[in-house]
Amino acid sequence: MERNLPGLRRHAAMNRDRIMTDPRNRRGPQHHTSALWVLRDPAGAEWRVNNLKDWARTHAHLFGQEDGEPGAVRVCSGIQQVKQSMLGRRRNAVASYKGWTLVSWSGRADQS
């Protein structure tokens, strides 16, 4: 059975373009999977964050990382480890990441 690969690729590109016209599917705090996070910095100030990864892209320097995607991935990973520890899902639990603690989190921002 022969497939029409050029046609499939054309339809895939059209679908991708149509999906990306919806702002909820683009990077940023409006992304449809955004969650609300409350973090406490080492000085004790609370930060309310909608979409942790998007926030971390521009605030990774607060954690001693370079701003941008690689730093954001490391920051999110560290905060996720704190969350998993709070849920009792880590054998080697951690209470903070670079002095930052997780106060609370919720599901998607549009569900609050």
C-alpha atoms as a PDB file:
ATOM      1  CA  MET A   1       0.000   0.000   0.000  1.00  0.00           C
ATOM      2  CA  GLU A   2       1.526   3.258  -1.131  1.00  0.00           C
ATOM      3  CA  ARG A   3       1.124   6.389   0.969  1.00  0.00           C
ATOM      4  CA  ASN A   4       0.792   9.924  -0.205  1.00  0.00           C
ATOM      5  CA  LEU A   5       3.614  11.336   1.945  1.00  0.00           C
ATOM      6  CA  PRO A   6       3.682  14.813   0.370  1.00  0.00           C
ATOM      7  CA  GLY A   7      -0.065  15.112   0.945  1.00  0.00           C
ATOM      8  CA  LEU A   8       0.237  13.903   4.537  1.00  0.00           C
ATOM      9  CA  ARG A   9       3.034  16.379   5.202  1.00  0.00           C
ATOM     10  CA  ARG A  10       1.000  19.206   3.684  1.00  0.00           C
ATOM     11  CA  HIS A  11      -2.002  18.358   5.898  1.00  0.00           C
ATOM     12  CA  ALA A  12       0.239  18.064   8.977  1.00  0.00           C
ATOM     13  CA  ALA A  13       1.681  21.525   8.288  1.00  0.00           C
ATOM     14  CA  MET A  14      -1.822  22.977   7.854  1.00  0.00           C
ATOM     15  CA  ASN A  15      -2.956  21.415  11.140  1.00  0.00           C
ATOM     16  CA  ARG A  16       0.134  22.695  12.951  1.00  0.00           C
ATOM     17  CA  ASP A  17      -0.449  26.209  11.602  1.00  0.00           C
ATOM     18  CA  ARG A  18      -4.113  26.112  12.616  1.00  0.00           C
ATOM     19  CA  ILE A  19      -3.259  24.902  16.131  1.00  0.00           C
ATOM     20  CA  MET A  20      -0.616  27.581  16.633  1.00  0.00           C
ATOM     21  CA  THR A  21      -3.019  30.409  15.713  1.00  0.00           C
ATOM     22  CA  ASP A  22      -4.760  29.757  19.047  1.00  0.00           C
ATOM     23  CA  PRO A  23      -2.882  31.769  21.734  1.00  0.00           C
ATOM     24  CA  ARG A  24      -3.586  29.040  24.314  1.00  0.00           C
ATOM     25  CA  ASN A  25      -1.200  26.774  22.394  1.00  0.00           C
ATOM     26  CA  ARG A  26       1.729  29.208  22.334  1.00  0.00           C
ATOM     27  CA  ARG A  27       4.453  29.714  24.915  1.00  0.00           C
ATOM     28  CA  GLY A  28       3.571  32.016  27.749  1.00  0.00           C
ATOM     29  CA  PRO A  29       1.369  32.384  30.803  1.00  0.00           C
ATOM     30  CA  GLN A  30      -1.765  31.891  28.669  1.00  0.00           C
ATOM     31  CA  HIS A  31      -0.743  28.339  27.627  1.00  0.00           C
ATOM     32  CA  HIS A  32      -3.581  25.878  28.192  1.00  0.00           C
ATOM     33  CA  THR A  33      -1.504  23.762  30.601  1.00  0.00           C
ATOM     34  CA  SER A  34      -0.337  26.693  32.741  1.00  0.00           C
ATOM     35  CA  ALA A  35      -0.470  26.070  36.475  1.00  0.00           C
ATOM     36  CA  LEU A  36      -0.312  28.491  39.385  1.00  0.00           C
ATOM     37  CA  TRP A  37       2.737  28.190  41.674  1.00  0.00           C
ATOM     38  CA  VAL A  38       3.632  30.077  44.825  1.00  0.00           C
ATOM     39  CA  LEU A  39       7.366  30.117  45.542  1.00  0.00           C
ATOM     40  CA  ARG A  40       9.281  31.617  48.464  1.00  0.00           C
ATOM     41  CA  ASP A  41      12.718  33.031  47.740  1.00  0.00           C
ATOM     42  CA  PRO A  42      15.642  32.760  50.190  1.00  0.00           C
ATOM     43  CA  ALA A  43      14.828  36.248  51.559  1.00  0.00           C
ATOM     44  CA  GLY A  44      11.265  35.158  52.414  1.00  0.00           C
ATOM     45  CA  ALA A  45       9.387  37.013  49.676  1.00  0.00           C
ATOM     46  CA  GLU A  46       6.584  35.109  47.961  1.00  0.00           C
ATOM     47  CA  TRP A  47       6.356  34.910  44.183  1.00  0.00           C
ATOM     48  CA  ARG A  48       3.052  33.999  42.520  1.00  0.00           C
ATOM     49  CA  VAL A  49       3.848  32.397  39.194  1.00  0.00           C
ATOM     50  CA  ASN A  50       1.523  31.413  36.364  1.00  0.00           C
ATOM     51  CA  ASN A  51       3.322  28.913  34.111  1.00  0.00           C
ATOM     52  CA  LEU A  52       6.538  28.017  35.930  1.00  0.00           C
ATOM     53  CA  LYS A  53       8.613  27.265  32.843  1.00  0.00           C
ATOM     54  CA  ASP A  54       7.691  30.502  31.091  1.00  0.00           C
ATOM     55  CA  TRP A  55       8.546  32.464  34.241  1.00  0.00           C
ATOM     56  CA  ALA A  56      11.814  30.565  34.695  1.00  0.00           C
ATOM     57  CA  ARG A  57      12.963  31.498  31.174  1.00  0.00           C
ATOM     58  CA  THR A  58      13.323  35.126  32.289  1.00  0.00           C
ATOM     59  CA  HIS A  59      14.076  34.591  35.995  1.00  0.00           C
ATOM     60  CA  ALA A  60      16.598  31.721  35.952  1.00  0.00           C
ATOM     61  CA  HIS A  61      19.301  34.205  37.015  1.00  0.00           C
ATOM     62  CA  LEU A  62      17.631  34.286  40.456  1.00  0.00           C
ATOM     63  CA  PHE A  63      18.675  30.636  40.830  1.00  0.00           C
ATOM     64  CA  GLY A  64      22.231  31.133  39.596  1.00  0.00           C
ATOM     65  CA  GLN A  65      21.343  29.880  36.101  1.00  0.00           C
ATOM     66  CA  GLU A  66      21.480  31.601  32.735  1.00  0.00           C
ATOM     67  CA  ASP A  67      18.163  33.001  31.529  1.00  0.00           C
ATOM     68  CA  GLY A  68      16.745  31.069  28.586  1.00  0.00           C
ATOM     69  CA  GLU A  69      15.615  27.555  27.867  1.00  0.00           C
ATOM     70  CA  PRO A  70      18.468  25.506  29.441  1.00  0.00           C
ATOM     71  CA  GLY A  71      18.302  27.486  32.683  1.00  0.00           C
ATOM     72  CA  ALA A  72      14.518  27.264  32.754  1.00  0.00           C
ATOM     73  CA  VAL A  73      14.643  23.487  32.380  1.00  0.00           C
ATOM     74  CA  ARG A  74      17.025  23.209  35.357  1.00  0.00           C
ATOM     75  CA  VAL A  75      14.921  25.535  37.520  1.00  0.00           C
ATOM     76  CA  CYS A  76      11.712  23.659  36.695  1.00  0.00           C
ATOM     77  CA  SER A  77      13.383  20.355  37.413  1.00  0.00           C
ATOM     78  CA  GLY A  78      14.553  21.589  40.817  1.00  0.00           C
ATOM     79  CA  ILE A  79      11.132  22.939  41.764  1.00  0.00           C
ATOM     80  CA  GLN A  80       9.463  19.749  40.513  1.00  0.00           C
ATOM     81  CA  GLN A  81      11.766  17.732  42.791  1.00  0.00           C
ATOM     82  CA  VAL A  82      10.607  19.828  45.747  1.00  0.00           C
ATOM     83  CA  LYS A  83       6.979  19.222  44.727  1.00  0.00           C
ATOM     84  CA  GLN A  84       7.517  15.477  44.387  1.00  0.00           C
ATOM     85  CA  SER A  85       9.193  15.442  47.799  1.00  0.00           C
ATOM     86  CA  MET A  86       6.199  17.228  49.330  1.00  0.00           C
ATOM     87  CA  LEU A  87       3.950  14.577  47.799  1.00  0.00           C
ATOM     88  CA  GLY A  88       6.126  11.808  49.254  1.00  0.00           C
ATOM     89  CA  ARG A  89       7.175  10.496  45.853  1.00  0.00           C
ATOM     90  CA  ARG A  90      10.952  10.886  46.219  1.00  0.00           C
ATOM     91  CA  ARG A  91      13.202   8.543  48.119  1.00  0.00           C
ATOM     92  CA  ASN A  92      15.749  11.323  48.706  1.00  0.00           C
ATOM     93  CA  ALA A  93      13.398  14.151  49.617  1.00  0.00           C
ATOM     94  CA  VAL A  94      14.457  17.765  49.190  1.00  0.00           C
ATOM     95  CA  ALA A  95      12.868  20.758  50.892  1.00  0.00           C
ATOM     96  CA  SER A  96      14.217  23.505  48.652  1.00  0.00           C
ATOM     97  CA  TYR A  97      16.013  24.267  45.402  1.00  0.00           C
ATOM     98  CA  LYS A  98      18.820  26.837  45.634  1.00  0.00           C
ATOM     99  CA  GLY A  99      17.175  28.181  48.791  1.00  0.00           C
ATOM    100  CA  TRP A 100      13.757  28.560  47.146  1.00  0.00           C
ATOM    101  CA  THR A 101      10.827  26.652  48.632  1.00  0.00           C
ATOM    102  CA  LEU A 102       7.479  25.711  47.192  1.00  0.00           C
ATOM    103  CA  VAL A 103       4.564  27.128  49.171  1.00  0.00           C
ATOM    104  CA  SER A 104       1.736  25.791  47.021  1.00  0.00           C
ATOM    105  CA  TRP A 105       0.669  24.897  43.514  1.00  0.00           C
ATOM    106  CA  SER A 106      -2.607  24.301  41.753  1.00  0.00           C
ATOM    107  CA  GLY A 107      -3.759  22.686  38.566  1.00  0.00           C
ATOM    108  CA  ARG A 108      -4.255  24.621  35.397  1.00  0.00           C
ATOM    109  CA  ALA A 109      -4.647  28.355  35.837  1.00  0.00           C
ATOM    110  CA  ASP A 110      -7.949  28.448  33.942  1.00  0.00           C
ATOM    111  CA  GLN A 111      -9.481  26.038  36.467  1.00  0.00           C
ATOM    112  CA  SER A 112      -8.962  28.309  39.493  1.00  0.00           C
END
